[in-house]
Amino acid sequence: MAFGTERTVLRTGQATEVFDAGLRAHMLRVYNYMASGLALTGIVAYAMAFSGVYAQIAQTGLIWVVMLAPLGFIFFLSFKIQTMRASTAQTLFWAFAGIMGLSMASIFLVFTGASIARVFFIAAGTFAAMSLWGYTTKRDLTGMGSFLFMGLIGIILAAIVNMFIQSSALHFAISAIGVLVFVGLTAYDTQKIKNEYAEWHDSETSSKLAIMGALRLYLDFINLFMLLLHFFGDRR
């Protein structure tokens, strides 16, 4: 009887080790997608800013296409990810990262390179700390996610209003609250990605989950970086 119990415990331990190894590989895949997307965005933004391409586009109506195109990619991926192949989703993710780079090229024209680099490392450190907490905490962050989503909707609405009234005080409040929201979303999204892996998926679905997880963390980081840049960036 004791021997049978030991065998059961051994099998359970082996299954846990296999699951943990698979989870680490999945999370590494998510972070690799995210980091590669950020690198592509940075390269495109830098190239478009200093080649003069962005300045030329900014003088035409195409600038609205450039600014709104990333939002279109996000909605398309979110709603169509289940019906497309993983390879297609990956291609769209890279295209999205490139378009985001073009839309963000203005930061190299507005802020100094040194302050952009400084804020990037601040954002990276904050993101890493919160993502690690989201991965390791035993606390269920589902309730916090609902609260943060409502906060995000409020920020978007306030930002739209501020486009018309141009209030510096409201802009400061939006930035401050936005930092807190995206810091929280980083932890929430990390835990959500981890929990999604716990459900059984085939390799194709797992690949698409990794891409969508990378997209969520990418957006958390980009928004956190941009908000911090408005606080700590030095304008030219």
Protein backbone atom coordinates (compact mmCIF):
# COMPACT_ATOMS: atom_id res chain seq x y z
CA MET A 1 0.00 0.00 0.00
CA ALA A 2 2.81 2.37 0.96
CA PHE A 3 4.69 1.42 -2.20
CA GLY A 4 1.64 2.29 -4.33
CA THR A 5 1.32 5.62 -2.55
CA GLU A 6 4.97 6.42 -3.22
CA ARG A 7 4.49 5.67 -6.93
CA THR A 8 1.48 8.00 -7.03
CA VAL A 9 3.44 10.79 -5.34
CA LEU A 10 6.33 10.23 -7.76
CA ARG A 11 4.05 10.47 -10.77
CA THR A 12 2.42 13.59 -9.37
CA GLY A 13 5.83 15.15 -8.81
CA GLN A 14 6.94 14.30 -12.33
CA ALA A 15 3.73 15.77 -13.78
CA THR A 16 4.29 18.96 -11.80
CA GLU A 17 7.85 19.25 -13.06
CA VAL A 18 6.70 18.77 -16.66
CA PHE A 19 3.97 21.40 -16.21
CA ASP A 20 6.36 23.90 -14.61
CA ALA A 21 8.90 23.39 -17.40
CA GLY A 22 6.20 23.90 -20.02
CA LEU A 23 4.93 27.02 -18.28
CA ARG A 24 8.42 28.52 -18.13
CA ALA A 25 8.92 27.79 -21.83
CA HIS A 26 5.54 29.39 -22.65
CA MET A 27 6.27 32.54 -20.62
CA LEU A 28 9.73 32.79 -22.17
CA ARG A 29 8.10 32.58 -25.59
CA VAL A 30 5.70 35.39 -24.64
CA TYR A 31 8.50 37.62 -23.37
CA ASN A 32 10.62 36.90 -26.45
CA TYR A 33 7.76 37.94 -28.74
CA MET A 34 7.21 41.06 -26.67
CA ALA A 35 10.89 42.02 -26.55
CA SER A 36 11.30 41.43 -30.29
CA GLY A 37 8.23 43.57 -30.96
CA LEU A 38 9.60 46.38 -28.80
CA ALA A 39 12.96 46.18 -30.55
CA LEU A 40 11.29 46.41 -33.96
CA THR A 41 9.19 49.35 -32.80
CA GLY A 42 12.26 51.19 -31.52
CA ILE A 43 14.26 50.60 -34.70
CA VAL A 44 11.41 51.76 -36.96
CA ALA A 45 10.68 54.81 -34.78
CA TYR A 46 14.33 55.89 -34.80
CA ALA A 47 14.73 55.32 -38.54
CA MET A 48 11.52 57.14 -39.47
CA ALA A 49 12.31 60.09 -37.21
CA PHE A 50 15.86 60.77 -38.40
CA SER A 51 15.30 59.93 -42.05
CA GLY A 52 12.68 62.66 -42.27
CA VAL A 53 9.94 60.26 -43.38
CA TYR A 54 7.81 60.91 -40.31
CA ALA A 55 8.05 64.69 -40.72
CA GLN A 56 6.88 64.38 -44.33
CA ILE A 57 3.95 62.15 -43.37
CA ALA A 58 3.00 64.50 -40.51
CA GLN A 59 2.35 67.26 -43.06
CA THR A 60 -0.28 65.17 -44.87
CA GLY A 61 -3.55 63.49 -44.02
CA LEU A 62 -1.70 60.16 -43.87
CA ILE A 63 -0.68 61.00 -40.31
CA TRP A 64 -4.20 60.03 -39.17
CA VAL A 65 -3.84 56.67 -40.86
CA VAL A 66 -0.50 56.15 -39.14
CA MET A 67 -1.91 57.10 -35.74
CA LEU A 68 -5.09 54.99 -36.01
CA ALA A 69 -3.67 51.94 -37.80
CA PRO A 70 -2.23 50.34 -34.61
CA LEU A 71 -5.69 50.44 -33.04
CA GLY A 72 -7.08 48.66 -36.09
CA PHE A 73 -4.44 45.93 -35.77
CA ILE A 74 -5.30 45.45 -32.08
CA PHE A 75 -9.02 45.03 -32.72
CA PHE A 76 -8.46 42.77 -35.72
CA LEU A 77 -6.11 40.46 -33.83
CA SER A 78 -8.35 40.38 -30.77
CA PHE A 79 -11.48 39.43 -32.69
CA LYS A 80 -9.98 37.22 -35.40
CA ILE A 81 -7.20 35.40 -33.55
CA GLN A 82 -9.35 32.28 -33.08
CA THR A 83 -10.00 31.84 -36.80
CA MET A 84 -6.52 32.53 -38.18
CA ARG A 85 -3.39 30.43 -38.26
CA ALA A 86 -0.65 31.08 -35.72
CA SER A 87 1.76 32.05 -38.51
CA THR A 88 -0.71 34.69 -39.73
CA ALA A 89 -1.15 36.05 -36.21
CA GLN A 90 2.62 36.26 -35.83
CA THR A 91 2.97 38.17 -39.12
CA LEU A 92 0.26 40.61 -38.03
CA PHE A 93 2.02 41.09 -34.70
CA TRP A 94 5.26 42.09 -36.45
CA ALA A 95 3.33 44.39 -38.79
CA PHE A 96 1.64 45.97 -35.78
CA ALA A 97 4.99 46.52 -34.05
CA GLY A 98 6.36 48.19 -37.18
CA ILE A 99 3.35 50.50 -37.55
CA MET A 100 3.61 51.39 -33.87
CA GLY A 101 7.22 52.36 -34.50
CA LEU A 102 6.15 54.74 -37.25
CA SER A 103 3.42 56.27 -35.07
CA MET A 104 5.88 56.75 -32.18
CA ALA A 105 8.67 58.32 -34.26
CA SER A 106 7.69 61.77 -32.97
CA ILE A 107 9.16 61.06 -29.52
CA PHE A 108 12.67 61.28 -31.01
CA LEU A 109 11.81 64.73 -32.35
CA VAL A 110 10.20 65.97 -29.13
CA PHE A 111 12.40 64.47 -26.39
CA THR A 112 16.16 64.18 -26.02
CA GLY A 113 17.75 60.81 -26.71
CA ALA A 114 19.27 60.65 -23.22
CA SER A 115 15.92 61.17 -21.51
CA ILE A 116 14.23 58.59 -23.77
CA ALA A 117 16.86 56.03 -22.79
CA ARG A 118 16.55 56.94 -19.10
CA VAL A 119 12.78 56.62 -19.08
CA PHE A 120 12.98 53.37 -21.04
CA PHE A 121 15.08 51.78 -18.29
CA ILE A 122 12.74 53.16 -15.60
CA ALA A 123 9.77 51.66 -17.43
CA ALA A 124 11.63 48.38 -18.00
CA GLY A 125 12.49 48.06 -14.32
CA THR A 126 8.95 48.85 -13.22
CA PHE A 127 7.50 46.45 -15.77
CA ALA A 128 9.86 43.63 -14.80
CA ALA A 129 9.07 44.02 -11.09
CA MET A 130 5.30 44.02 -11.59
CA SER A 131 5.36 41.18 -14.11
CA LEU A 132 7.43 39.08 -11.70
CA TRP A 133 4.96 39.82 -8.93
CA GLY A 134 2.04 38.89 -11.17
CA TYR A 135 3.77 35.61 -12.04
CA THR A 136 4.67 34.60 -8.48
CA THR A 137 1.80 35.93 -6.35
CA LYS A 138 -0.78 33.49 -5.01
CA ARG A 139 -3.38 36.26 -4.85
CA ASP A 140 -6.17 36.13 -7.44
CA LEU A 141 -5.95 39.38 -9.43
CA THR A 142 -9.20 38.87 -11.38
CA GLY A 143 -11.10 41.43 -9.33
CA MET A 144 -8.30 43.94 -9.71
CA GLY A 145 -8.44 43.44 -13.48
CA SER A 146 -12.09 44.56 -13.64
CA PHE A 147 -11.25 47.67 -11.61
CA LEU A 148 -8.25 48.47 -13.80
CA PHE A 149 -10.30 48.05 -16.97
CA MET A 150 -12.81 50.61 -15.70
CA GLY A 151 -9.90 52.92 -14.90
CA LEU A 152 -8.58 52.47 -18.43
CA ILE A 153 -11.95 53.38 -19.93
CA GLY A 154 -12.03 56.49 -17.72
CA ILE A 155 -8.55 57.51 -18.87
CA ILE A 156 -9.51 57.14 -22.54
CA LEU A 157 -12.65 59.23 -22.09
CA ALA A 158 -10.76 61.90 -20.13
CA ALA A 159 -8.05 62.02 -22.80
CA ILE A 160 -10.68 62.56 -25.51
CA VAL A 161 -12.23 65.39 -23.50
CA ASN A 162 -8.81 66.94 -22.91
CA MET A 163 -8.17 67.03 -26.67
CA PHE A 164 -10.76 69.82 -26.77
CA ILE A 165 -10.21 71.69 -23.49
CA GLN A 166 -6.37 71.35 -23.39
CA SER A 167 -6.15 71.37 -19.58
CA SER A 168 -2.63 70.87 -18.22
CA ALA A 169 -4.03 69.83 -14.82
CA LEU A 170 -6.25 67.17 -16.42
CA HIS A 171 -3.33 65.99 -18.55
CA PHE A 172 -1.22 65.55 -15.40
CA ALA A 173 -4.02 63.65 -13.67
CA ILE A 174 -4.50 61.38 -16.70
CA SER A 175 -0.78 60.62 -16.80
CA ALA A 176 -0.53 59.92 -13.06
CA ILE A 177 -3.58 57.65 -12.97
CA GLY A 178 -2.50 56.03 -16.23
CA VAL A 179 0.85 54.99 -14.73
CA LEU A 180 -0.94 53.28 -11.83
CA VAL A 181 -3.40 51.57 -14.17
CA PHE A 182 -0.75 50.13 -16.48
CA VAL A 183 1.48 49.10 -13.58
CA GLY A 184 -1.46 47.11 -12.26
CA LEU A 185 -2.38 45.75 -15.69
CA THR A 186 1.16 44.42 -16.10
CA ALA A 187 0.73 42.19 -13.04
CA TYR A 188 -2.83 41.26 -13.98
CA ASP A 189 -2.00 40.34 -17.59
CA THR A 190 1.02 38.29 -16.51
CA GLN A 191 -1.11 36.22 -14.16
CA LYS A 192 -3.80 35.87 -16.83
CA ILE A 193 -1.25 34.55 -19.34
CA LYS A 194 0.00 32.10 -16.73
CA ASN A 195 -3.53 30.90 -15.95
CA GLU A 196 -4.37 30.49 -19.63
CA TYR A 197 -1.50 28.05 -19.97
CA ALA A 198 -3.00 25.88 -17.20
CA GLU A 199 -5.83 24.94 -19.57
CA TRP A 200 -5.01 22.23 -22.10
CA HIS A 201 -4.29 23.52 -25.61
CA ASP A 202 -2.82 22.06 -28.76
CA SER A 203 0.40 23.53 -30.16
CA GLU A 204 -1.42 25.81 -32.63
CA THR A 205 -3.61 27.33 -29.93
CA SER A 206 -0.66 27.65 -27.55
CA SER A 207 1.24 29.60 -30.21
CA LYS A 208 -1.67 32.00 -30.66
CA LEU A 209 -1.99 32.40 -26.89
CA ALA A 210 1.70 33.32 -26.72
CA ILE A 211 1.24 35.97 -29.42
CA MET A 212 -1.82 37.49 -27.75
CA GLY A 213 -0.07 37.41 -24.39
CA ALA A 214 2.91 39.20 -25.91
CA LEU A 215 0.56 41.78 -27.44
CA ARG A 216 -1.05 42.53 -24.06
CA LEU A 217 2.28 42.90 -22.27
CA TYR A 218 3.67 44.94 -25.19
CA LEU A 219 0.77 47.39 -24.87
CA ASP A 220 1.20 47.58 -21.09
CA PHE A 221 4.87 48.44 -21.50
CA ILE A 222 4.39 50.95 -24.34
CA ASN A 223 1.68 52.84 -22.48
CA LEU A 224 3.68 52.82 -19.24
CA PHE A 225 6.75 54.08 -21.12
CA MET A 226 4.84 56.88 -22.87
CA LEU A 227 3.19 58.07 -19.67
CA LEU A 228 6.48 58.09 -17.77
CA LEU A 229 8.11 59.91 -20.67
CA HIS A 230 5.68 62.79 -20.21
CA PHE A 231 6.72 62.96 -16.55
CA PHE A 232 10.48 62.52 -16.80
CA GLY A 233 11.36 63.20 -20.45
CA ASP A 234 13.43 66.28 -21.31
CA ARG A 235 12.03 68.14 -24.28
CA ARG A 236 14.32 69.42 -27.02
